Amino acid sequence: MEPVGEAILTYLRTGRPATDAREIFIRTRAPYRKLDKLYSLVRRRLRDAGVKPLGKCGSHIFRHARATELLRAAVPKKVIGDLLGHRSTGSTDPYLKLATEDLRAVALDVPGTEVLA
């Protein structure tokens, strides 16, 4: 996606410290090396913000949230998989689990199942 690509290019050109590290995102303070603790950092920030996601709560939740957002916008599964960097559409399936409210939105009323008082 163009805005994300532009943001990464700007970071690489002007924000990333000079280093031989191959990783894109590195520590902001010396020694400049890869971010080993990204999962823990995201978990701690979510906790400090009072956000309690259902299920997993590491940095991967952002990929899941984006995939679900794209699915809700009727973006084809193949396109979502391409954006996530997946080689096969089967790898994309776990990212497309619908939330309960999504299922309720498409549920059909079944005649004859009314609750009698």
PDB file of N, CA and C in Angstrom:
ATOM      1  N   MET A   1       0.839  -1.163   0.000  1.00  0.00           N
ATOM      2  CA  MET A   1       0.000   0.000   0.000  1.00  0.00           C
ATOM      3  C   MET A   1       0.894   1.239   0.000  1.00  0.00           C
ATOM      4  N   GLU A   2       0.559   2.168  -0.835  1.00  0.00           N
ATOM      5  CA  GLU A   2       1.428   3.321  -1.062  1.00  0.00           C
ATOM      6  C   GLU A   2       1.753   4.139   0.189  1.00  0.00           C
ATOM      7  N   PRO A   3       0.780   4.505   1.038  1.00  0.00           N
ATOM      8  CA  PRO A   3       1.132   5.304   2.221  1.00  0.00           C
ATOM      9  C   PRO A   3       2.096   4.584   3.159  1.00  0.00           C
ATOM     10  N   VAL A   4       1.917   3.285   3.313  1.00  0.00           N
ATOM     11  CA  VAL A   4       2.812   2.509   4.180  1.00  0.00           C
ATOM     12  C   VAL A   4       4.209   2.474   3.570  1.00  0.00           C
ATOM     13  N   GLY A   5       4.265   2.224   2.265  1.00  0.00           N
ATOM     14  CA  GLY A   5       5.557   2.196   1.577  1.00  0.00           C
ATOM     15  C   GLY A   5       6.288   3.523   1.690  1.00  0.00           C
ATOM     16  N   GLU A   6       5.559   4.611   1.524  1.00  0.00           N
ATOM     17  CA  GLU A   6       6.170   5.941   1.632  1.00  0.00           C
ATOM     18  C   GLU A   6       6.674   6.210   3.045  1.00  0.00           C
ATOM     19  N   ALA A   7       5.904   5.780   4.044  1.00  0.00           N
ATOM     20  CA  ALA A   7       6.335   5.963   5.438  1.00  0.00           C
ATOM     21  C   ALA A   7       7.603   5.173   5.727  1.00  0.00           C
ATOM     22  N   ILE A   8       7.682   3.954   5.221  1.00  0.00           N
ATOM     23  CA  ILE A   8       8.877   3.138   5.434  1.00  0.00           C
ATOM     24  C   ILE A   8      10.080   3.755   4.724  1.00  0.00           C
ATOM     25  N   LEU A   9       9.879   4.226   3.494  1.00  0.00           N
ATOM     26  CA  LEU A   9      10.982   4.879   2.769  1.00  0.00           C
ATOM     27  C   LEU A   9      11.470   6.120   3.506  1.00  0.00           C
ATOM     28  N   THR A  10      10.558   6.916   4.031  1.00  0.00           N
ATOM     29  CA  THR A  10      10.944   8.111   4.788  1.00  0.00           C
ATOM     30  C   THR A  10      11.755   7.721   6.012  1.00  0.00           C
ATOM     31  N   TYR A  11      11.305   6.682   6.712  1.00  0.00           N
ATOM     32  CA  TYR A  11      12.048   6.199   7.878  1.00  0.00           C
ATOM     33  C   TYR A  11      13.453   5.747   7.480  1.00  0.00           C
ATOM     34  N   LEU A  12      13.558   4.980   6.388  1.00  0.00           N
ATOM     35  CA  LEU A  12      14.862   4.481   5.964  1.00  0.00           C
ATOM     36  C   LEU A  12      15.792   5.619   5.536  1.00  0.00           C
ATOM     37  N   ARG A  13      15.221   6.635   4.915  1.00  0.00           N
ATOM     38  CA  ARG A  13      16.048   7.751   4.421  1.00  0.00           C
ATOM     39  C   ARG A  13      16.433   8.742   5.512  1.00  0.00           C
ATOM     40  N   THR A  14      15.530   8.993   6.455  1.00  0.00           N
ATOM     41  CA  THR A  14      15.777  10.087   7.399  1.00  0.00           C
ATOM     42  C   THR A  14      15.702   9.710   8.873  1.00  0.00           C
ATOM     43  N   GLY A  15      15.080   8.599   9.217  1.00  0.00           N
ATOM     44  CA  GLY A  15      14.881   8.291  10.623  1.00  0.00           C
ATOM     45  C   GLY A  15      15.692   7.144  11.168  1.00  0.00           C
ATOM     46  N   ARG A  16      16.148   6.277  10.299  1.00  0.00           N
ATOM     47  CA  ARG A  16      16.852   5.076  10.745  1.00  0.00           C
ATOM     48  C   ARG A  16      18.329   5.392  10.952  1.00  0.00           C
ATOM     49  N   PRO A  17      18.874   5.057  12.120  1.00  0.00           N
ATOM     50  CA  PRO A  17      20.306   5.286  12.353  1.00  0.00           C
ATOM     51  C   PRO A  17      21.164   4.481  11.374  1.00  0.00           C
ATOM     52  N   ALA A  18      22.329   4.993  11.054  1.00  0.00           N
ATOM     53  CA  ALA A  18      23.253   4.287  10.161  1.00  0.00           C
ATOM     54  C   ALA A  18      23.776   3.038  10.861  1.00  0.00           C
ATOM     55  N   THR A  19      23.614   1.911  10.191  1.00  0.00           N
ATOM     56  CA  THR A  19      24.056   0.630  10.752  1.00  0.00           C
ATOM     57  C   THR A  19      24.154  -0.395   9.632  1.00  0.00           C
ATOM     58  N   ASP A  20      24.882  -1.471   9.886  1.00  0.00           N
ATOM     59  CA  ASP A  20      24.977  -2.567   8.925  1.00  0.00           C
ATOM     60  C   ASP A  20      23.876  -3.598   9.135  1.00  0.00           C
ATOM     61  N   ALA A  21      23.021  -3.385  10.112  1.00  0.00           N
ATOM     62  CA  ALA A  21      21.939  -4.334  10.389  1.00  0.00           C
ATOM     63  C   ALA A  21      21.042  -4.467   9.167  1.00  0.00           C
ATOM     64  N   ARG A  22      20.654  -5.701   8.830  1.00  0.00           N
ATOM     65  CA  ARG A  22      19.814  -5.951   7.653  1.00  0.00           C
ATOM     66  C   ARG A  22      18.342  -5.715   7.916  1.00  0.00           C
ATOM     67  N   GLU A  23      17.933  -5.755   9.173  1.00  0.00           N
ATOM     68  CA  GLU A  23      16.533  -5.564   9.515  1.00  0.00           C
ATOM     69  C   GLU A  23      16.106  -4.127   9.211  1.00  0.00           C
ATOM     70  N   ILE A  24      14.850  -3.965   8.855  1.00  0.00           N
ATOM     71  CA  ILE A  24      14.346  -2.620   8.565  1.00  0.00           C
ATOM     72  C   ILE A  24      14.231  -1.816   9.846  1.00  0.00           C
ATOM     73  N   PHE A  25      13.565  -2.370  10.839  1.00  0.00           N
ATOM     74  CA  PHE A  25      13.349  -1.647  12.080  1.00  0.00           C
ATOM     75  C   PHE A  25      14.373  -2.088  13.114  1.00  0.00           C
ATOM     76  N   ILE A  26      15.070  -1.117  13.661  1.00  0.00           N
ATOM     77  CA  ILE A  26      16.120  -1.389  14.638  1.00  0.00           C
ATOM     78  C   ILE A  26      15.905  -0.501  15.861  1.00  0.00           C
ATOM     79  N   ARG A  27      16.693  -0.759  16.872  1.00  0.00           N
ATOM     80  CA  ARG A  27      16.625   0.066  18.080  1.00  0.00           C
ATOM     81  C   ARG A  27      16.949   1.515  17.740  1.00  0.00           C
ATOM     82  N   THR A  28      16.365   2.444  18.496  1.00  0.00           N
ATOM     83  CA  THR A  28      16.615   3.863  18.247  1.00  0.00           C
ATOM     84  C   THR A  28      17.835   4.378  18.999  1.00  0.00           C
ATOM     85  N   ARG A  29      18.357   3.558  19.908  1.00  0.00           N
ATOM     86  CA  ARG A  29      19.556   3.926  20.658  1.00  0.00           C
ATOM     87  C   ARG A  29      20.641   2.879  20.437  1.00  0.00           C
ATOM     88  N   ALA A  30      21.877   3.319  20.532  1.00  0.00           N
ATOM     89  CA  ALA A  30      23.005   2.400  20.379  1.00  0.00           C
ATOM     90  C   ALA A  30      22.968   1.379  21.507  1.00  0.00           C
ATOM     91  N   PRO A  31      23.350   0.170  21.276  1.00  0.00           N
ATOM     92  CA  PRO A  31      23.816  -0.369  19.991  1.00  0.00           C
ATOM     93  C   PRO A  31      22.635  -0.593  19.037  1.00  0.00           C
ATOM     94  N   TYR A  32      22.791  -0.158  17.809  1.00  0.00           N
ATOM     95  CA  TYR A  32      21.741  -0.260  16.801  1.00  0.00           C
ATOM     96  C   TYR A  32      21.678  -1.682  16.271  1.00  0.00           C
ATOM     97  N   ARG A  33      20.655  -2.393  16.679  1.00  0.00           N
ATOM     98  CA  ARG A  33      20.469  -3.771  16.247  1.00  0.00           C
ATOM     99  C   ARG A  33      18.968  -4.032  16.131  1.00  0.00           C
ATOM    100  N   LYS A  34      18.608  -5.225  15.686  1.00  0.00           N
ATOM    101  CA  LYS A  34      17.191  -5.528  15.471  1.00  0.00           C
ATOM    102  C   LYS A  34      16.398  -5.433  16.768  1.00  0.00           C
ATOM    103  N   LEU A  35      15.104  -5.219  16.611  1.00  0.00           N
ATOM    104  CA  LEU A  35      14.208  -5.148  17.761  1.00  0.00           C
ATOM    105  C   LEU A  35      13.840  -6.564  18.185  1.00  0.00           C
ATOM    106  N   ASP A  36      14.469  -7.053  19.229  1.00  0.00           N
ATOM    107  CA  ASP A  36      14.190  -8.400  19.713  1.00  0.00           C
ATOM    108  C   ASP A  36      12.903  -8.466  20.514  1.00  0.00           C
ATOM    109  N   LYS A  37      12.521  -7.398  21.092  1.00  0.00           N
ATOM    110  CA  LYS A  37      11.430  -7.404  22.061  1.00  0.00           C
ATOM    111  C   LYS A  37      10.163  -6.723  21.549  1.00  0.00           C
ATOM    112  N   LEU A  38       9.921  -6.737  20.241  1.00  0.00           N
ATOM    113  CA  LEU A  38       8.758  -6.055  19.686  1.00  0.00           C
ATOM    114  C   LEU A  38       7.461  -6.618  20.264  1.00  0.00           C
ATOM    115  N   TYR A  39       7.376  -7.932  20.373  1.00  0.00           N
ATOM    116  CA  TYR A  39       6.178  -8.571  20.925  1.00  0.00           C
ATOM    117  C   TYR A  39       5.908  -8.052  22.337  1.00  0.00           C
ATOM    118  N   SER A  40       6.924  -8.048  23.172  1.00  0.00           N
ATOM    119  CA  SER A  40       6.768  -7.590  24.554  1.00  0.00           C
ATOM    120  C   SER A  40       6.426  -6.107  24.610  1.00  0.00           C
ATOM    121  N   LEU A  41       7.026  -5.330  23.730  1.00  0.00           N
ATOM    122  CA  LEU A  41       6.755  -3.897  23.694  1.00  0.00           C
ATOM    123  C   LEU A  41       5.292  -3.627  23.371  1.00  0.00           C
ATOM    124  N   VAL A  42       4.762  -4.306  22.368  1.00  0.00           N
ATOM    125  CA  VAL A  42       3.362  -4.115  21.982  1.00  0.00           C
ATOM    126  C   VAL A  42       2.446  -4.561  23.124  1.00  0.00           C
ATOM    127  N   ARG A  43       2.715  -5.699  23.704  1.00  0.00           N
ATOM    128  CA  ARG A  43       1.884  -6.183  24.821  1.00  0.00           C
ATOM    129  C   ARG A  43       1.858  -5.172  25.962  1.00  0.00           C
ATOM    130  N   ARG A  44       3.025  -4.641  26.306  1.00  0.00           N
ATOM    131  CA  ARG A  44       3.119  -3.682  27.412  1.00  0.00           C
ATOM    132  C   ARG A  44       2.360  -2.394  27.082  1.00  0.00           C
ATOM    133  N   ARG A  45       2.509  -1.903  25.848  1.00  0.00           N
ATOM    134  CA  ARG A  45       1.809  -0.664  25.459  1.00  0.00           C
ATOM    135  C   ARG A  45       0.300  -0.863  25.436  1.00  0.00           C
ATOM    136  N   LEU A  46      -0.155  -2.011  24.951  1.00  0.00           N
ATOM    137  CA  LEU A  46      -1.588  -2.289  24.960  1.00  0.00           C
ATOM    138  C   LEU A  46      -2.109  -2.339  26.398  1.00  0.00           C
ATOM    139  N   ARG A  47      -1.372  -3.004  27.267  1.00  0.00           N
ATOM    140  CA  ARG A  47      -1.764  -3.100  28.676  1.00  0.00           C
ATOM    141  C   ARG A  47      -1.814  -1.715  29.310  1.00  0.00           C
ATOM    142  N   ASP A  48      -0.779  -0.906  29.069  1.00  0.00           N
ATOM    143  CA  ASP A  48      -0.725   0.434  29.651  1.00  0.00           C
ATOM    144  C   ASP A  48      -1.849   1.328  29.136  1.00  0.00           C
ATOM    145  N   ALA A  49      -2.303   1.068  27.913  1.00  0.00           N
ATOM    146  CA  ALA A  49      -3.393   1.852  27.325  1.00  0.00           C
ATOM    147  C   ALA A  49      -4.760   1.325  27.744  1.00  0.00           C
ATOM    148  N   GLY A  50      -4.774   0.218  28.488  1.00  0.00           N
ATOM    149  CA  GLY A  50      -6.040  -0.356  28.928  1.00  0.00           C
ATOM    150  C   GLY A  50      -6.750  -1.160  27.855  1.00  0.00           C
ATOM    151  N   VAL A  51      -6.033  -1.519  26.802  1.00  0.00           N
ATOM    152  CA  VAL A  51      -6.618  -2.308  25.719  1.00  0.00           C
ATOM    153  C   VAL A  51      -6.416  -3.783  26.050  1.00  0.00           C
ATOM    154  N   LYS A  52      -7.529  -4.529  26.027  1.00  0.00           N
ATOM    155  CA  LYS A  52      -7.474  -5.956  26.338  1.00  0.00           C
ATOM    156  C   LYS A  52      -8.044  -6.736  25.156  1.00  0.00           C
ATOM    157  N   PRO A  53      -7.203  -7.005  24.152  1.00  0.00           N
ATOM    158  CA  PRO A  53      -7.715  -7.743  22.994  1.00  0.00           C
ATOM    159  C   PRO A  53      -8.067  -9.174  23.357  1.00  0.00           C
ATOM    160  N   LEU A  54      -9.068  -9.701  22.679  1.00  0.00           N
ATOM    161  CA  LEU A  54      -9.427 -11.103  22.869  1.00  0.00           C
ATOM    162  C   LEU A  54      -8.386 -11.955  22.173  1.00  0.00           C
ATOM    163  N   GLY A  55      -7.915 -12.987  22.800  1.00  0.00           N
ATOM    164  CA  GLY A  55      -6.930 -13.866  22.180  1.00  0.00           C
ATOM    165  C   GLY A  55      -5.535 -13.289  22.276  1.00  0.00           C
ATOM    166  N   LYS A  56      -4.782 -13.429  21.199  1.00  0.00           N
ATOM    167  CA  LYS A  56      -3.382 -13.002  21.182  1.00  0.00           C
ATOM    168  C   LYS A  56      -3.273 -11.488  21.299  1.00  0.00           C
ATOM    169  N   CYS A  57      -2.175 -11.036  21.889  1.00  0.00           N
ATOM    170  CA  CYS A  57      -2.047  -9.592  22.081  1.00  0.00           C
ATOM    171  C   CYS A  57      -0.652  -9.069  21.746  1.00  0.00           C
ATOM    172  N   GLY A  58       0.089  -9.763  20.921  1.00  0.00           N
ATOM    173  CA  GLY A  58       1.385  -9.257  20.495  1.00  0.00           C
ATOM    174  C   GLY A  58       1.247  -8.429  19.234  1.00  0.00           C
ATOM    175  N   SER A  59       2.355  -8.148  18.605  1.00  0.00           N
ATOM    176  CA  SER A  59       2.364  -7.288  17.422  1.00  0.00           C
ATOM    177  C   SER A  59       1.581  -7.881  16.256  1.00  0.00           C
ATOM    178  N   HIS A  60       1.367  -9.172  16.261  1.00  0.00           N
ATOM    179  CA  HIS A  60       0.643  -9.823  15.166  1.00  0.00           C
ATOM    180  C   HIS A  60      -0.833  -9.410  15.107  1.00  0.00           C
ATOM    181  N   ILE A  61      -1.363  -8.874  16.190  1.00  0.00           N
ATOM    182  CA  ILE A  61      -2.772  -8.475  16.169  1.00  0.00           C
ATOM    183  C   ILE A  61      -3.022  -7.380  15.146  1.00  0.00           C
ATOM    184  N   PHE A  62      -1.990  -6.595  14.830  1.00  0.00           N
ATOM    185  CA  PHE A  62      -2.171  -5.536  13.841  1.00  0.00           C
ATOM    186  C   PHE A  62      -2.383  -6.125  12.452  1.00  0.00           C
ATOM    187  N   ARG A  63      -1.715  -7.226  12.160  1.00  0.00           N
ATOM    188  CA  ARG A  63      -1.930  -7.905  10.877  1.00  0.00           C
ATOM    189  C   ARG A  63      -3.351  -8.474  10.817  1.00  0.00           C
ATOM    190  N   HIS A  64      -3.786  -9.082  11.912  1.00  0.00           N
ATOM    191  CA  HIS A  64      -5.143  -9.635  11.964  1.00  0.00           C
ATOM    192  C   HIS A  64      -6.190  -8.524  11.810  1.00  0.00           C
ATOM    193  N   ALA A  65      -5.976  -7.417  12.515  1.00  0.00           N
ATOM    194  CA  ALA A  65      -6.936  -6.310  12.447  1.00  0.00           C
ATOM    195  C   ALA A  65      -7.018  -5.748  11.034  1.00  0.00           C
ATOM    196  N   ARG A  66      -5.882  -5.592  10.382  1.00  0.00           N
ATOM    197  CA  ARG A  66      -5.882  -5.051   9.015  1.00  0.00           C
ATOM    198  C   ARG A  66      -6.555  -6.018   8.055  1.00  0.00           C
ATOM    199  N   ALA A  67      -6.282  -7.302   8.192  1.00  0.00           N
ATOM    200  CA  ALA A  67      -6.904  -8.297   7.315  1.00  0.00           C
ATOM    201  C   ALA A  67      -8.416  -8.295   7.498  1.00  0.00           C
ATOM    202  N   THR A  68      -8.879  -8.225   8.739  1.00  0.00           N
ATOM    203  CA  THR A  68     -10.319  -8.199   9.001  1.00  0.00           C
ATOM    204  C   THR A  68     -10.947  -6.930   8.434  1.00  0.00           C
ATOM    205  N   GLU A  69     -10.261  -5.816   8.588  1.00  0.00           N
ATOM    206  CA  GLU A  69     -10.752  -4.543   8.042  1.00  0.00           C
ATOM    207  C   GLU A  69     -10.888  -4.624   6.522  1.00  0.00           C
ATOM    208  N   LEU A  70      -9.912  -5.202   5.864  1.00  0.00           N
ATOM    209  CA  LEU A  70      -9.970  -5.352   4.407  1.00  0.00           C
ATOM    210  C   LEU A  70     -11.093  -6.294   3.994  1.00  0.00           C
ATOM    211  N   LEU A  71     -11.269  -7.381   4.757  1.00  0.00           N
ATOM    212  CA  LEU A  71     -12.344  -8.328   4.462  1.00  0.00           C
ATOM    213  C   LEU A  71     -13.708  -7.643   4.573  1.00  0.00           C
ATOM    214  N   ARG A  72     -13.883  -6.839   5.609  1.00  0.00           N
ATOM    215  CA  ARG A  72     -15.144  -6.109   5.794  1.00  0.00           C
ATOM    216  C   ARG A  72     -15.382  -5.116   4.661  1.00  0.00           C
ATOM    217  N   ALA A  73     -14.305  -4.652   4.037  1.00  0.00           N
ATOM    218  CA  ALA A  73     -14.412  -3.711   2.913  1.00  0.00           C
ATOM    219  C   ALA A  73     -14.555  -4.452   1.585  1.00  0.00           C
ATOM    220  N   ALA A  74     -14.785  -5.763   1.640  1.00  0.00           N
ATOM    221  CA  ALA A  74     -15.002  -6.605   0.453  1.00  0.00           C
ATOM    222  C   ALA A  74     -13.768  -6.711  -0.452  1.00  0.00           C
ATOM    223  N   VAL A  75     -12.589  -6.606   0.147  1.00  0.00           N
ATOM    224  CA  VAL A  75     -11.348  -6.816  -0.614  1.00  0.00           C
ATOM    225  C   VAL A  75     -11.186  -8.319  -0.797  1.00  0.00           C
ATOM    226  N   PRO A  76     -10.889  -8.769  -2.018  1.00  0.00           N
ATOM    227  CA  PRO A  76     -10.755 -10.209  -2.259  1.00  0.00           C
ATOM    228  C   PRO A  76      -9.650 -10.851  -1.407  1.00  0.00           C
ATOM    229  N   LYS A  77      -9.885 -12.090  -1.036  1.00  0.00           N
ATOM    230  CA  LYS A  77      -8.944 -12.841  -0.200  1.00  0.00           C
ATOM    231  C   LYS A  77      -7.542 -12.870  -0.811  1.00  0.00           C
ATOM    232  N   LYS A  78      -7.435 -13.028  -2.113  1.00  0.00           N
ATOM    233  CA  LYS A  78      -6.136 -13.067  -2.780  1.00  0.00           C
ATOM    234  C   LYS A  78      -5.381 -11.753  -2.584  1.00  0.00           C
ATOM    235  N   VAL A  79      -6.081 -10.636  -2.680  1.00  0.00           N
ATOM    236  CA  VAL A  79      -5.451  -9.329  -2.495  1.00  0.00           C
ATOM    237  C   VAL A  79      -4.986  -9.164  -1.047  1.00  0.00           C
ATOM    238  N   ILE A  80      -5.824  -9.592  -0.099  1.00  0.00           N
ATOM    239  CA  ILE A  80      -5.438  -9.523   1.313  1.00  0.00           C
ATOM    240  C   ILE A  80      -4.191 -10.361   1.557  1.00  0.00           C
ATOM    241  N   GLY A  81      -4.167 -11.568   1.002  1.00  0.00           N
ATOM    242  CA  GLY A  81      -2.995 -12.425   1.149  1.00  0.00           C
ATOM    243  C   GLY A  81      -1.748 -11.801   0.557  1.00  0.00           C
ATOM    244  N   ASP A  82      -1.899 -11.160  -0.596  1.00  0.00           N
ATOM    245  CA  ASP A  82      -0.754 -10.481  -1.226  1.00  0.00           C
ATOM    246  C   ASP A  82      -0.228  -9.358  -0.337  1.00  0.00           C
ATOM    247  N   LEU A  83      -1.146  -8.584   0.255  1.00  0.00           N
ATOM    248  CA  LEU A  83      -0.726  -7.492   1.137  1.00  0.00           C
ATOM    249  C   LEU A  83      -0.020  -8.007   2.391  1.00  0.00           C
ATOM    250  N   LEU A  84      -0.437  -9.182   2.850  1.00  0.00           N
ATOM    251  CA  LEU A  84       0.198  -9.776   4.029  1.00  0.00           C
ATOM    252  C   LEU A  84       1.495 -10.504   3.676  1.00  0.00           C
ATOM    253  N   GLY A  85       1.758 -10.632   2.376  1.00  0.00           N
ATOM    254  CA  GLY A  85       2.986 -11.296   1.946  1.00  0.00           C
ATOM    255  C   GLY A  85       2.892 -12.803   1.921  1.00  0.00           C
ATOM    256  N   HIS A  86       1.699 -13.341   1.782  1.00  0.00           N
ATOM    257  CA  HIS A  86       1.518 -14.794   1.759  1.00  0.00           C
ATOM    258  C   HIS A  86       1.662 -15.340   0.345  1.00  0.00           C
ATOM    259  N   ARG A  87       2.257 -16.504   0.250  1.00  0.00           N
ATOM    260  CA  ARG A  87       2.417 -17.170  -1.051  1.00  0.00           C
ATOM    261  C   ARG A  87       1.173 -17.965  -1.430  1.00  0.00           C
ATOM    262  N   SER A  88       0.444 -18.459  -0.433  1.00  0.00           N
ATOM    263  CA  SER A  88      -0.760 -19.236  -0.719  1.00  0.00           C
ATOM    264  C   SER A  88      -1.945 -18.618   0.022  1.00  0.00           C
ATOM    265  N   THR A  89      -3.134 -18.772  -0.568  1.00  0.00           N
ATOM    266  CA  THR A  89      -4.321 -18.213   0.066  1.00  0.00           C
ATOM    267  C   THR A  89      -4.658 -18.949   1.363  1.00  0.00           C
ATOM    268  N   GLY A  90      -4.219 -20.195   1.490  1.00  0.00           N
ATOM    269  CA  GLY A  90      -4.449 -20.938   2.728  1.00  0.00           C
ATOM    270  C   GLY A  90      -3.766 -20.295   3.924  1.00  0.00           C
ATOM    271  N   SER A  91      -2.652 -19.619   3.680  1.00  0.00           N
ATOM    272  CA  SER A  91      -1.940 -18.942   4.766  1.00  0.00           C
ATOM    273  C   SER A  91      -2.708 -17.734   5.275  1.00  0.00           C
ATOM    274  N   THR A  92      -3.622 -17.233   4.455  1.00  0.00           N
ATOM    275  CA  THR A  92      -4.388 -16.042   4.806  1.00  0.00           C
ATOM    276  C   THR A  92      -5.600 -16.382   5.661  1.00  0.00           C
ATOM    277  N   ASP A  93      -6.089 -17.615   5.583  1.00  0.00           N
ATOM    278  CA  ASP A  93      -7.311 -18.012   6.283  1.00  0.00           C
ATOM    279  C   ASP A  93      -7.337 -17.650   7.773  1.00  0.00           C
ATOM    280  N   PRO A  94      -6.276 -17.927   8.539  1.00  0.00           N
ATOM    281  CA  PRO A  94      -6.341 -17.607   9.968  1.00  0.00           C
ATOM    282  C   PRO A  94      -6.532 -16.112  10.246  1.00  0.00           C
ATOM    283  N   TYR A  95      -6.156 -15.274   9.307  1.00  0.00           N
ATOM    284  CA  TYR A  95      -6.291 -13.832   9.488  1.00  0.00           C
ATOM    285  C   TYR A  95      -7.707 -13.343   9.212  1.00  0.00           C
ATOM    286  N   LEU A  96      -8.533 -14.190   8.635  1.00  0.00           N
ATOM    287  CA  LEU A  96      -9.852 -13.758   8.198  1.00  0.00           C
ATOM    288  C   LEU A  96     -10.989 -14.303   9.035  1.00  0.00           C
ATOM    289  N   LYS A  97     -10.686 -14.714  10.246  1.00  0.00           N
ATOM    290  CA  LYS A  97     -11.743 -15.179  11.135  1.00  0.00           C
ATOM    291  C   LYS A  97     -12.670 -14.007  11.425  1.00  0.00           C
ATOM    292  N   LEU A  98     -13.951 -14.242  11.221  1.00  0.00           N
ATOM    293  CA  LEU A  98     -14.909 -13.164  11.444  1.00  0.00           C
ATOM    294  C   LEU A  98     -15.225 -13.017  12.923  1.00  0.00           C
ATOM    295  N   ALA A  99     -15.408 -11.796  13.322  1.00  0.00           N
ATOM    296  CA  ALA A  99     -15.802 -11.518  14.700  1.00  0.00           C
ATOM    297  C   ALA A  99     -17.282 -11.854  14.877  1.00  0.00           C
ATOM    298  N   THR A 100     -17.689 -12.062  16.098  1.00  0.00           N
ATOM    299  CA  THR A 100     -19.075 -12.428  16.389  1.00  0.00           C
ATOM    300  C   THR A 100     -20.059 -11.422  15.812  1.00  0.00           C
ATOM    301  N   GLU A 101     -19.745 -10.125  15.920  1.00  0.00           N
ATOM    302  CA  GLU A 101     -20.676  -9.123  15.401  1.00  0.00           C
ATOM    303  C   GLU A 101     -20.797  -9.195  13.883  1.00  0.00           C
ATOM    304  N   ASP A 102     -19.752  -9.621  13.202  1.00  0.00           N
ATOM    305  CA  ASP A 102     -19.827  -9.807  11.748  1.00  0.00           C
ATOM    306  C   ASP A 102     -20.791 -10.941  11.417  1.00  0.00           C
ATOM    307  N   LEU A 103     -20.718 -12.011  12.191  1.00  0.00           N
ATOM    308  CA  LEU A 103     -21.618 -13.135  11.955  1.00  0.00           C
ATOM    309  C   LEU A 103     -23.065 -12.747  12.248  1.00  0.00           C
ATOM    310  N   ARG A 104     -23.290 -11.977  13.294  1.00  0.00           N
ATOM    311  CA  ARG A 104     -24.654 -11.535  13.610  1.00  0.00           C
ATOM    312  C   ARG A 104     -25.221 -10.651  12.506  1.00  0.00           C
ATOM    313  N   ALA A 105     -24.362  -9.849  11.891  1.00  0.00           N
ATOM    314  CA  ALA A 105     -24.815  -8.929  10.848  1.00  0.00           C
ATOM    315  C   ALA A 105     -25.331  -9.668   9.619  1.00  0.00           C
ATOM    316  N   VAL A 106     -24.834 -10.876   9.370  1.00  0.00           N
ATOM    317  CA  VAL A 106     -25.260 -11.616   8.181  1.00  0.00           C
ATOM    318  C   VAL A 106     -26.198 -12.775   8.519  1.00  0.00           C
ATOM    319  N   ALA A 107     -26.513 -12.938   9.795  1.00  0.00           N
ATOM    320  CA  ALA A 107     -27.392 -14.036  10.205  1.00  0.00           C
ATOM    321  C   ALA A 107     -28.806 -13.804   9.683  1.00  0.00           C
ATOM    322  N   LEU A 108     -29.459 -14.887   9.336  1.00  0.00           N
ATOM    323  CA  LEU A 108     -30.841 -14.832   8.864  1.00  0.00           C
ATOM    324  C   LEU A 108     -31.766 -15.316   9.967  1.00  0.00           C
ATOM    325  N   ASP A 109     -32.921 -14.689  10.045  1.00  0.00           N
ATOM    326  CA  ASP A 109     -33.930 -15.166  10.984  1.00  0.00           C
ATOM    327  C   ASP A 109     -34.487 -16.488  10.462  1.00  0.00           C
ATOM    328  N   VAL A 110     -34.642 -17.445  11.349  1.00  0.00           N
ATOM    329  CA  VAL A 110     -35.193 -18.737  10.974  1.00  0.00           C
ATOM    330  C   VAL A 110     -36.641 -18.768  11.440  1.00  0.00           C
ATOM    331  N   PRO A 111     -37.602 -18.885  10.496  1.00  0.00           N
ATOM    332  CA  PRO A 111     -39.015 -18.882  10.883  1.00  0.00           C
ATOM    333  C   PRO A 111     -39.333 -20.046  11.820  1.00  0.00           C
ATOM    334  N   GLY A 112     -40.209 -19.779  12.786  1.00  0.00           N
ATOM    335  CA  GLY A 112     -40.653 -20.817  13.700  1.00  0.00           C
ATOM    336  C   GLY A 112     -39.757 -21.032  14.883  1.00  0.00           C
ATOM    337  N   THR A 113     -38.741 -20.178  15.046  1.00  0.00           N
ATOM    338  CA  THR A 113     -37.830 -20.366  16.176  1.00  0.00           C
ATOM    339  C   THR A 113     -38.007 -19.269  17.226  1.00  0.00           C
ATOM    340  N   GLU A 114     -39.144 -18.572  17.177  1.00  0.00           N
ATOM    341  CA  GLU A 114     -39.379 -17.500  18.158  1.00  0.00           C
ATOM    342  C   GLU A 114     -39.509 -18.112  19.543  1.00  0.00           C
ATOM    343  N   VAL A 115     -39.070 -17.380  20.529  1.00  0.00           N
ATOM    344  CA  VAL A 115     -39.170 -17.841  21.900  1.00  0.00           C
ATOM    345  C   VAL A 115     -40.567 -17.514  22.409  1.00  0.00           C
ATOM    346  N   LEU A 116     -41.251 -18.506  22.934  1.00  0.00           N
ATOM    347  CA  LEU A 116     -42.600 -18.305  23.475  1.00  0.00           C
ATOM    348  C   LEU A 116     -42.514 -17.905  24.932  1.00  0.00           C
ATOM    349  N   ALA A 117     -43.314 -16.919  25.307  1.00  0.00           N
ATOM    350  CA  ALA A 117     -43.285 -16.450  26.683  1.00  0.00           C
ATOM    351  C   ALA A 117     -44.239 -17.219  27.543  1.00  0.00           C
TER     352      ALA A 117
END
